[in-house]
Structures are given as C-alpha cells and as structure tokens.
C-alpha cells in the first residue's frame, strides 16, 4: 500500500456549519469506507492555516487516492488534494541512485 496525504479546505458554506461538523465528518468517512474499502486511515488532524484538515492514509494506488479527494469535493470541500508521501529512507535511496 502507498501512503497519501489528503489536504482539505472546506467551502465557506460548510465552514459555517460548525455545530454539524462532527456529523458531516462521519458521513464523509462512511462514504469513503463504502466506496474505497481498501483505504486505511492512519491519522486525522484539524489545522490552523490555509487548509482545514490533513489526513494520512494508505491506498493501493493513485486512482483510489483520487476517489478519496473526489468524495471530499462532493461533500463540501472547496479544495481537496491527495499527495503521494514517500518515506524519507526511500528518498535517500533514490538520491543515491543518481
């Protein structure tokens, strides 16, 4: 499984729904689990900055990671990006191959 980082910025409409944030998050996670059962979430953080949330997860490939981002966009994210995360040790190995 590959590791991915999901960076999410909520739309202004969703951001204003502070009291329903928990139920909206559970509904999003339920959809991801149903449509991408192979995804394994490792961590979830709320952020103070240009993005609202950061998720670290494992998925078999980039296509499944794209689905996770698309589900986020369909559920009120203004912006959702899935980034490939390469372990530091592997980056060093790749650099040594150059």
Protein backbone atom coordinates (compact mmCIF):
# COMPACT_ATOMS: atom_id res chain seq x y z
CA UNK A 1 0.00 0.00 0.00
CA UNK A 2 1.14 3.53 -0.75
CA UNK A 3 0.91 6.41 1.71
CA UNK A 4 -1.02 9.56 0.80
CA UNK A 5 -1.69 12.91 2.43
CA UNK A 6 -5.14 14.46 1.93
CA UNK A 7 -5.21 18.23 2.34
CA UNK A 8 -8.74 19.60 2.62
CA UNK A 9 -10.11 23.14 2.64
CA UNK A 10 -13.81 23.36 3.35
CA UNK A 11 -16.18 25.59 1.42
CA UNK A 12 -17.43 28.71 3.25
CA UNK A 13 -20.91 27.17 3.47
CA UNK A 14 -19.62 24.04 5.21
CA UNK A 15 -17.26 26.04 7.43
CA UNK A 16 -20.24 27.97 8.82
CA UNK A 17 -21.89 24.67 9.88
CA UNK A 18 -19.70 24.40 12.99
CA UNK A 19 -22.22 22.51 15.13
CA UNK A 20 -22.79 19.83 12.49
CA UNK A 21 -19.07 19.36 11.75
CA UNK A 22 -18.94 16.01 13.54
CA UNK A 23 -21.92 14.52 11.68
CA UNK A 24 -20.64 15.85 8.34
CA UNK A 25 -17.26 14.26 9.01
CA UNK A 26 -18.83 10.91 9.91
CA UNK A 27 -20.95 10.98 6.73
CA UNK A 28 -17.83 11.68 4.64
CA UNK A 29 -15.90 8.83 6.29
CA UNK A 30 -18.84 6.45 5.77
CA UNK A 31 -18.83 7.24 2.04
CA UNK A 32 -15.07 6.74 1.77
CA UNK A 33 -15.30 3.38 3.57
CA UNK A 34 -18.17 2.26 1.32
CA UNK A 35 -16.65 3.38 -2.00
CA UNK A 36 -12.97 2.77 -1.13
CA UNK A 37 -12.94 -0.10 1.40
CA UNK A 38 -9.24 -0.71 0.82
CA UNK A 39 -8.29 2.72 2.24
CA UNK A 40 -6.77 2.68 5.72
CA UNK A 41 -6.66 5.98 7.63
CA UNK A 42 -3.58 6.45 9.79
CA UNK A 43 -4.16 9.96 11.19
CA UNK A 44 -6.56 12.91 11.01
CA UNK A 45 -5.71 16.48 12.06
CA UNK A 46 -7.53 19.79 12.14
CA UNK A 47 -5.25 22.63 11.02
CA UNK A 48 -4.85 26.35 11.60
CA UNK A 49 -3.70 27.66 8.24
CA UNK A 50 -4.64 27.58 4.56
CA UNK A 51 -6.12 24.07 4.87
CA UNK A 52 -8.71 22.89 7.39
CA UNK A 53 -7.78 19.21 7.66
CA UNK A 54 -4.89 16.86 6.98
CA UNK A 55 -5.41 13.10 6.71
CA UNK A 56 -2.70 10.50 6.34
CA UNK A 57 -3.92 7.30 4.73
CA UNK A 58 -2.84 4.24 2.80
CA UNK A 59 -4.34 3.21 -0.53
CA UNK A 60 -3.28 0.69 -3.17
CA UNK A 61 -2.79 3.29 -5.92
CA UNK A 62 -3.28 6.84 -7.15
CA UNK A 63 -6.70 6.11 -8.63
CA UNK A 64 -8.12 5.17 -5.23
CA UNK A 65 -6.45 8.27 -3.75
CA UNK A 66 -8.17 10.35 -6.45
CA UNK A 67 -11.52 8.87 -5.40
CA UNK A 68 -10.90 9.94 -1.80
CA UNK A 69 -10.28 13.51 -3.00
CA UNK A 70 -13.36 13.43 -5.22
CA UNK A 71 -15.56 12.20 -2.36
CA UNK A 72 -14.24 15.11 -0.28
CA UNK A 73 -15.09 17.59 -3.04
CA UNK A 74 -18.56 16.08 -3.40
CA UNK A 75 -19.13 16.56 0.35
CA UNK A 76 -18.38 20.25 0.72
CA UNK A 77 -14.63 20.59 0.32
CA UNK A 78 -13.69 23.66 -1.68
CA UNK A 79 -10.30 22.09 -2.28
CA UNK A 80 -9.08 18.53 -1.72
CA UNK A 81 -5.65 17.32 -2.76
CA UNK A 82 -4.15 13.86 -2.31
CA UNK A 83 -0.37 13.94 -2.28
CA UNK A 84 1.94 10.94 -2.59
CA UNK A 85 4.11 10.53 0.51
CA UNK A 86 7.42 8.73 0.03
CA UNK A 87 9.24 7.54 3.17
CA UNK A 88 12.41 9.52 3.88
CA UNK A 89 14.59 6.40 3.72
CA UNK A 90 13.36 5.72 0.18
CA UNK A 91 14.03 9.34 -0.87
CA UNK A 92 17.63 8.92 0.32
CA UNK A 93 17.92 5.65 -1.65
CA UNK A 94 16.59 7.35 -4.78
CA UNK A 95 19.05 10.22 -4.33
CA UNK A 96 21.92 7.76 -4.02
CA UNK A 97 20.91 6.17 -7.34
CA UNK A 98 21.51 9.47 -9.17
